[in-house]
């Protein structure tokens, strides 16, 4: 059964007028166009009032996914009927494809209510230190830890915006490691730049106002500290013409499209030469232990992405909720197997 919309002039369009054999077809008008993502709840009470029902969540996702109105993902047609037999689903007037507001997104085929997704996104985006899957399970009353972990994993995968702007200007770049001893690693780990019992990370921080404070950051897991690992990180995260300030490690020179500004540490403390990137590393390690009681090698990059998302939006935590749902609405589906086996994503 087709659901009627209001016409552009304000009059109602009957179900007969929007039938497949009818002359008129609906366009992108109606109640779902009224939702907007330009504003966002600034308090827990406001969030509860605004997103207490499934319809309110569906309207918000519709606006996030199709800000200019519905567009069929199959043929690109902008005319469709909303179905009453399937919740929040539209049938394309051109090719007949049916598309729900969550189809083809990170929420694809989820059995959880939209209100649960919204609560999870709000808690993950606005909680000052983040929230673990176990905490989320208790907060939302989910039936199993697996459901909570899957929910967190999918939202965490939505924390990297496609086409995000590269770091510019003066950028501190350095490496660090997080202990992660497996059964094959020695109890004491390896000394110096040894990789034994360590997860290797490279980080970059924009330096603002002549060194007065940090701007945006990037963090990536690497297999080693060679030029083959560090140069792709620099190329993928620093804008052309940026200046990479480093500690003089021999693998940095020659990185394409950037200027290299080496500062050999020597006997001087590294955090004196590169203060902001070392502060980020320190905060990362405290956060990892405090919230997750340590990180695992297998999922390290997803947790680094969460830390970056949270830090880069530290002054606009409530706006981060809008960003997270907006990215999630455009993110392709992820299955449980893809999350537990990151290599399966490729």
Protein backbone atom coordinates (compact mmCIF):
# COMPACT_ATOMS: atom_id res chain seq x y z
CA UNK A 1 0.00 0.00 0.00
CA UNK A 2 1.35 3.43 -0.96
CA UNK A 3 1.45 6.28 1.51
CA UNK A 4 0.20 9.65 0.18
CA UNK A 5 2.31 12.79 0.43
CA UNK A 6 1.35 16.42 0.53
CA UNK A 7 1.78 18.18 -2.79
CA UNK A 8 4.07 21.13 -3.24
CA UNK A 9 1.09 23.45 -3.16
CA UNK A 10 -0.13 22.01 0.11
CA UNK A 11 -2.94 19.83 -1.24
CA UNK A 12 -2.97 16.09 -0.59
CA UNK A 13 -2.07 13.66 -3.34
CA UNK A 14 -4.27 10.62 -3.18
CA UNK A 15 -3.01 7.06 -3.33
CA UNK A 16 -4.64 6.72 -6.75
CA UNK A 17 -2.75 9.72 -8.05
CA UNK A 18 0.58 8.10 -7.23
CA UNK A 19 -0.15 4.65 -8.57
CA UNK A 20 2.21 3.19 -11.16
CA UNK A 21 -0.31 3.71 -13.95
CA UNK A 22 -1.26 7.21 -12.84
CA UNK A 23 -0.15 10.37 -14.57
CA UNK A 24 1.27 12.04 -11.48
CA UNK A 25 4.18 10.78 -9.48
CA UNK A 26 5.39 12.11 -6.19
CA UNK A 27 8.57 14.07 -5.90
CA UNK A 28 10.81 14.76 -2.94
CA UNK A 29 8.26 16.41 -0.72
CA UNK A 30 6.47 15.37 2.42
CA UNK A 31 7.24 15.02 6.10
CA UNK A 32 10.69 13.48 5.67
CA UNK A 33 11.96 16.61 3.92
CA UNK A 34 11.10 18.60 7.04
CA UNK A 35 13.81 16.92 9.11
CA UNK A 36 17.17 18.61 9.31
CA UNK A 37 20.66 17.72 10.49
CA UNK A 38 21.82 21.31 10.76
CA UNK A 39 20.98 21.37 14.45
CA UNK A 40 21.67 18.76 17.11
CA UNK A 41 20.69 18.07 20.72
CA UNK A 42 22.92 19.83 23.23
CA UNK A 43 21.81 17.96 26.35
CA UNK A 44 20.64 14.53 27.41
CA UNK A 45 17.13 15.83 28.06
CA UNK A 46 16.93 17.46 24.64
CA UNK A 47 18.17 14.28 22.99
CA UNK A 48 15.58 12.17 24.82
CA UNK A 49 12.78 14.51 23.81
CA UNK A 50 13.81 14.68 20.18
CA UNK A 51 14.62 11.05 19.46
CA UNK A 52 12.21 9.15 21.69
CA UNK A 53 10.40 7.52 18.74
CA UNK A 54 11.44 5.56 15.66
CA UNK A 55 9.84 8.05 13.28
CA UNK A 56 11.95 10.94 14.57
CA UNK A 57 15.12 8.87 14.09
CA UNK A 58 14.06 7.82 10.59
CA UNK A 59 13.41 11.44 9.58
CA UNK A 60 16.85 12.46 10.83
CA UNK A 61 18.56 9.64 8.90
CA UNK A 62 16.59 10.54 5.77
CA UNK A 63 17.86 14.13 5.97
CA UNK A 64 21.42 12.95 6.66
CA UNK A 65 21.41 10.50 3.77
CA UNK A 66 19.44 12.55 1.23
CA UNK A 67 19.85 16.23 2.17
CA UNK A 68 18.42 17.32 -1.21
CA UNK A 69 15.64 14.74 -1.18
CA UNK A 70 15.40 11.04 -1.99
CA UNK A 71 17.71 9.72 -4.71
CA UNK A 72 17.44 6.10 -5.79
CA UNK A 73 20.81 4.35 -5.24
CA UNK A 74 20.05 2.16 -8.26
CA UNK A 75 19.16 4.58 -11.05
CA UNK A 76 19.46 8.04 -9.49
CA UNK A 77 15.78 8.91 -9.92
CA UNK A 78 14.43 11.45 -7.45
CA UNK A 79 10.80 10.28 -7.54
CA UNK A 80 9.54 7.52 -5.25
CA UNK A 81 6.63 6.27 -3.18
CA UNK A 82 6.84 5.64 0.54
CA UNK A 83 5.53 2.17 1.36
CA UNK A 84 3.17 1.60 4.25
CA UNK A 85 3.83 -2.15 4.32
CA UNK A 86 7.53 -1.68 5.10
CA UNK A 87 8.72 0.89 7.63
CA UNK A 88 10.78 3.81 6.34
CA UNK A 89 11.03 2.31 2.84
CA UNK A 90 10.62 3.97 -0.57
CA UNK A 91 9.99 2.43 -3.99
CA UNK A 92 11.67 4.15 -6.90
CA UNK A 93 9.26 5.44 -9.55
CA UNK A 94 11.88 4.76 -12.21
CA UNK A 95 13.31 1.28 -11.63
CA UNK A 96 11.01 -0.03 -8.89
CA UNK A 97 13.86 -0.63 -6.44
CA UNK A 98 12.84 -0.50 -2.80
CA UNK A 99 15.22 1.31 -0.43
CA UNK A 100 14.84 1.75 3.32
CA UNK A 101 16.41 4.62 5.19
CA UNK A 102 19.06 2.21 6.56
CA UNK A 103 19.63 0.10 3.43
CA UNK A 104 23.23 0.15 2.23
CA UNK A 105 24.41 1.95 5.37
CA UNK A 106 26.26 0.79 8.49
CA UNK A 107 22.80 -0.01 9.95
CA UNK A 108 21.86 -2.33 7.08
CA UNK A 109 19.78 -5.36 8.18
CA UNK A 110 20.16 -4.43 11.85
CA UNK A 111 17.46 -5.84 14.11
CA UNK A 112 18.03 -3.16 16.72
CA UNK A 113 15.56 -0.25 16.91
CA UNK A 114 16.71 3.04 15.44
CA UNK A 115 16.33 4.58 18.90
CA UNK A 116 18.99 2.17 20.18
CA UNK A 117 21.35 3.13 17.36
CA UNK A 118 20.82 6.80 18.13
CA UNK A 119 21.43 6.34 21.86
CA UNK A 120 24.61 4.39 21.13
CA UNK A 121 25.86 7.06 18.71
CA UNK A 122 25.05 9.81 21.19
CA UNK A 123 26.86 8.09 24.05
CA UNK A 124 29.93 7.24 21.95
CA UNK A 125 30.15 10.73 20.45
CA UNK A 126 29.52 12.82 23.56
CA UNK A 127 30.96 10.78 26.42
CA UNK A 128 34.13 12.62 27.42
CA UNK A 129 36.36 9.53 27.59
CA UNK A 130 34.49 7.11 25.39
CA UNK A 131 32.45 4.11 26.41
CA UNK A 132 33.24 0.39 26.26
CA UNK A 133 30.94 -2.26 24.82
CA UNK A 134 30.28 -3.63 28.30
CA UNK A 135 29.23 -0.19 29.54
CA UNK A 136 27.05 0.30 26.48
CA UNK A 137 25.39 -3.07 27.04
CA UNK A 138 24.42 -2.04 30.58
CA UNK A 139 23.38 1.49 29.63
CA UNK A 140 21.09 0.38 26.78
CA UNK A 141 19.91 -2.88 28.31
CA UNK A 142 21.13 -4.98 25.38
CA UNK A 143 20.63 -8.72 25.63
CA UNK A 144 24.21 -9.75 24.96
CA UNK A 145 27.75 -8.44 24.99
CA UNK A 146 28.11 -9.50 21.34
CA UNK A 147 25.28 -7.14 20.31
CA UNK A 148 26.93 -4.27 22.18
CA UNK A 149 30.36 -5.05 20.73
CA UNK A 150 28.94 -5.23 17.20
CA UNK A 151 27.13 -1.94 17.69
CA UNK A 152 30.30 -0.24 18.97
CA UNK A 153 32.38 -1.77 16.19
CA UNK A 154 30.08 -0.51 13.43
CA UNK A 155 29.93 2.98 14.86
CA UNK A 156 33.69 3.01 15.35
CA UNK A 157 34.08 2.08 11.68
CA UNK A 158 32.00 5.18 10.87
CA UNK A 159 34.43 7.57 12.55
CA UNK A 160 36.61 8.15 9.50
CA UNK A 161 34.98 10.62 7.13
CA UNK A 162 35.65 9.92 3.45
CA UNK A 163 37.64 12.66 1.79
CA UNK A 164 38.62 14.33 5.06
CA UNK A 165 40.94 17.33 4.72
CA UNK A 166 44.64 16.57 5.11
CA UNK A 167 46.77 18.20 7.82
CA UNK A 168 48.37 21.45 6.69
CA UNK A 169 51.03 23.92 7.76
CA UNK A 170 53.56 22.82 10.36
CA UNK A 171 52.88 19.21 11.39
CA UNK A 172 54.75 17.28 14.07
CA UNK A 173 55.31 13.64 13.06
CA UNK A 174 56.72 10.92 15.28
CA UNK A 175 56.37 7.25 16.22
CA UNK A 176 55.51 5.43 19.41
CA UNK A 177 54.55 1.96 20.57
CA UNK A 178 51.98 0.38 22.87
CA UNK A 179 52.95 -2.81 24.76
CA UNK A 180 51.09 -5.90 23.58
CA UNK A 181 52.72 -9.11 24.70
CA UNK A 182 51.52 -12.30 23.04
CA UNK A 183 52.54 -15.86 23.85
CA UNK A 184 55.36 -15.55 21.31
CA UNK A 185 56.81 -12.34 22.76
CA UNK A 186 59.35 -12.23 25.59
CA UNK A 187 58.06 -11.09 28.98
CA UNK A 188 60.31 -8.03 28.95
CA UNK A 189 59.59 -7.12 25.34
CA UNK A 190 62.35 -5.77 23.12
CA UNK A 191 64.56 -2.79 23.78
CA UNK A 192 65.01 0.34 21.65
CA UNK A 193 63.26 0.07 18.29
CA UNK A 194 62.70 -3.68 18.63
CA UNK A 195 59.19 -4.75 17.57
CA UNK A 196 58.88 -7.58 20.07
CA UNK A 197 55.85 -7.24 22.31
CA UNK A 198 54.89 -3.86 20.83
CA UNK A 199 52.23 -2.37 18.56
CA UNK A 200 53.83 0.31 16.40
CA UNK A 201 52.08 3.63 15.76
CA UNK A 202 52.90 6.76 13.79
CA UNK A 203 51.16 10.03 14.60
CA UNK A 204 50.88 13.53 13.20
CA UNK A 205 49.63 16.75 14.84
CA UNK A 206 48.93 20.13 13.28
CA UNK A 207 50.69 22.91 15.20
CA UNK A 208 48.48 25.97 15.59
CA UNK A 209 49.31 29.60 16.33
CA UNK A 210 53.06 29.21 16.18
CA UNK A 211 53.12 26.36 18.66
CA UNK A 212 50.46 27.60 21.09
CA UNK A 213 48.37 24.46 20.77
CA UNK A 214 47.52 21.31 18.79
CA UNK A 215 45.07 21.23 15.91
CA UNK A 216 43.82 18.10 14.20
CA UNK A 217 45.61 14.78 14.52
CA UNK A 218 46.08 11.50 12.65
CA UNK A 219 47.19 8.09 14.01
CA UNK A 220 48.01 4.94 12.08
CA UNK A 221 49.24 1.47 12.91
CA UNK A 222 52.41 0.53 11.03
CA UNK A 223 54.36 -2.70 10.66
CA UNK A 224 57.74 -1.01 11.11
CA UNK A 225 59.42 2.38 11.10
CA UNK A 226 60.89 2.14 7.61
CA UNK A 227 60.37 4.64 4.80
CA UNK A 228 58.03 2.09 3.15
CA UNK A 229 55.68 2.48 6.13
CA UNK A 230 56.17 6.13 7.08
CA UNK A 231 56.09 7.72 3.61
CA UNK A 232 52.57 6.39 2.74
CA UNK A 233 51.31 7.74 6.08
CA UNK A 234 52.74 11.18 5.33
CA UNK A 235 51.43 11.15 1.76
CA UNK A 236 47.95 10.13 2.90
CA UNK A 237 47.60 12.51 5.83
CA UNK A 238 49.66 15.65 5.14
CA UNK A 239 48.62 18.19 2.54
CA UNK A 240 50.94 19.05 -0.31
CA UNK A 241 53.36 21.74 0.83
CA UNK A 242 53.02 20.96 4.54
CA UNK A 243 56.14 20.90 6.71
CA UNK A 244 56.80 17.65 8.56
CA UNK A 245 58.73 18.38 11.76
CA UNK A 246 60.43 15.16 12.93
CA UNK A 247 63.10 13.95 15.32
CA UNK A 248 65.50 13.33 12.44
CA UNK A 249 64.82 9.58 12.07
CA UNK A 250 66.45 8.43 8.84
CA UNK A 251 63.23 7.04 7.29
CA UNK A 252 61.52 10.46 7.00
CA UNK A 253 63.62 12.27 4.35
CA UNK A 254 62.29 11.87 0.83
CA UNK A 255 58.59 11.80 1.68
CA UNK A 256 56.78 13.20 -1.39
CA UNK A 257 55.08 16.61 -1.59
CA UNK A 258 56.10 17.80 1.89
CA UNK A 259 59.00 19.73 3.40
CA UNK A 260 61.09 17.91 5.97
CA UNK A 261 62.16 19.82 9.08
CA UNK A 262 64.37 17.44 11.13
CA UNK A 263 65.27 18.22 14.74
CA UNK A 264 67.73 15.64 16.00
CA UNK A 265 66.85 14.87 19.60
CA UNK A 266 70.20 13.63 20.86
CA UNK A 267 70.37 13.86 24.64
CA UNK A 268 67.44 16.26 24.78
CA UNK A 269 64.06 14.86 25.87
CA UNK A 270 61.95 14.12 22.79
CA UNK A 271 58.90 15.91 24.17
CA UNK A 272 60.89 19.16 24.22
CA UNK A 273 61.46 18.99 20.46
CA UNK A 274 58.03 17.57 19.55
CA UNK A 275 55.76 18.55 22.45
CA UNK A 276 52.30 18.14 20.91
CA UNK A 277 52.65 14.76 19.23
CA UNK A 278 54.17 13.36 22.44
CA UNK A 279 51.27 14.76 24.45
CA UNK A 280 48.87 13.01 22.05
CA UNK A 281 50.75 9.74 22.49
CA UNK A 282 50.57 10.10 26.28
CA UNK A 283 46.83 10.83 26.20
CA UNK A 284 46.27 7.89 23.85
CA UNK A 285 47.97 5.42 26.19
CA UNK A 286 46.11 6.70 29.26
CA UNK A 287 42.80 6.55 27.35
CA UNK A 288 43.47 3.02 26.10
CA UNK A 289 44.17 1.74 29.59
CA UNK A 290 41.42 3.70 31.32
CA UNK A 291 38.53 2.92 28.96
CA UNK A 292 39.50 -0.40 27.35
CA UNK A 293 42.14 -1.75 29.78
CA UNK A 294 44.56 -2.06 26.90
CA UNK A 295 44.19 -2.56 23.16
CA UNK A 296 44.57 -5.64 21.01
CA UNK A 297 46.70 -5.76 17.89
CA UNK A 298 43.88 -7.11 15.73
CA UNK A 299 41.59 -4.10 16.20
CA UNK A 300 44.17 -1.43 16.97
CA UNK A 301 43.44 0.79 13.96
CA UNK A 302 39.72 1.05 14.74
CA UNK A 303 40.51 2.26 18.26
CA UNK A 304 43.06 4.73 16.90
CA UNK A 305 40.34 6.04 14.57
CA UNK A 306 38.02 6.50 17.55
CA UNK A 307 40.66 8.43 19.47
CA UNK A 308 41.30 10.67 16.45
CA UNK A 309 37.55 11.26 15.95
CA UNK A 310 37.10 12.14 19.60
CA UNK A 311 40.17 14.42 19.82
CA UNK A 312 39.43 16.33 16.62
CA UNK A 313 35.92 17.09 17.92
CA UNK A 314 36.86 17.68 21.53
CA UNK A 315 35.43 21.22 21.50
CA UNK A 316 32.18 20.25 19.75
CA UNK A 317 31.19 16.95 21.34
CA UNK A 318 27.49 17.34 20.62
CA UNK A 319 28.16 18.23 17.00
CA UNK A 320 30.19 15.01 16.87
CA UNK A 321 26.89 13.12 17.21
CA UNK A 322 25.72 14.69 13.95
CA UNK A 323 29.05 13.86 12.28
CA UNK A 324 28.96 10.24 13.42
CA UNK A 325 25.43 9.57 12.19
CA UNK A 326 26.11 11.42 8.96
CA UNK A 327 29.14 9.24 8.19
CA UNK A 328 27.27 6.11 9.30
CA UNK A 329 24.44 6.91 6.88
CA UNK A 330 26.94 6.92 4.02
CA UNK A 331 29.09 4.00 5.17
CA UNK A 332 28.65 0.64 3.39
CA UNK A 333 27.39 -2.30 5.47
CA UNK A 334 29.75 -4.29 7.69
CA UNK A 335 29.05 -7.82 8.84
CA UNK A 336 30.14 -9.39 12.13
CA UNK A 337 32.75 -11.47 10.29
CA UNK A 338 34.19 -8.34 8.67
CA UNK A 339 34.57 -6.72 12.08
CA UNK A 340 36.21 -9.68 13.81
CA UNK A 341 38.51 -10.24 10.82
CA UNK A 342 39.68 -6.80 9.64
CA UNK A 343 41.57 -8.38 6.75
CA UNK A 344 38.21 -9.58 5.37
CA UNK A 345 37.18 -5.96 4.62
CA UNK A 346 39.46 -5.91 1.61
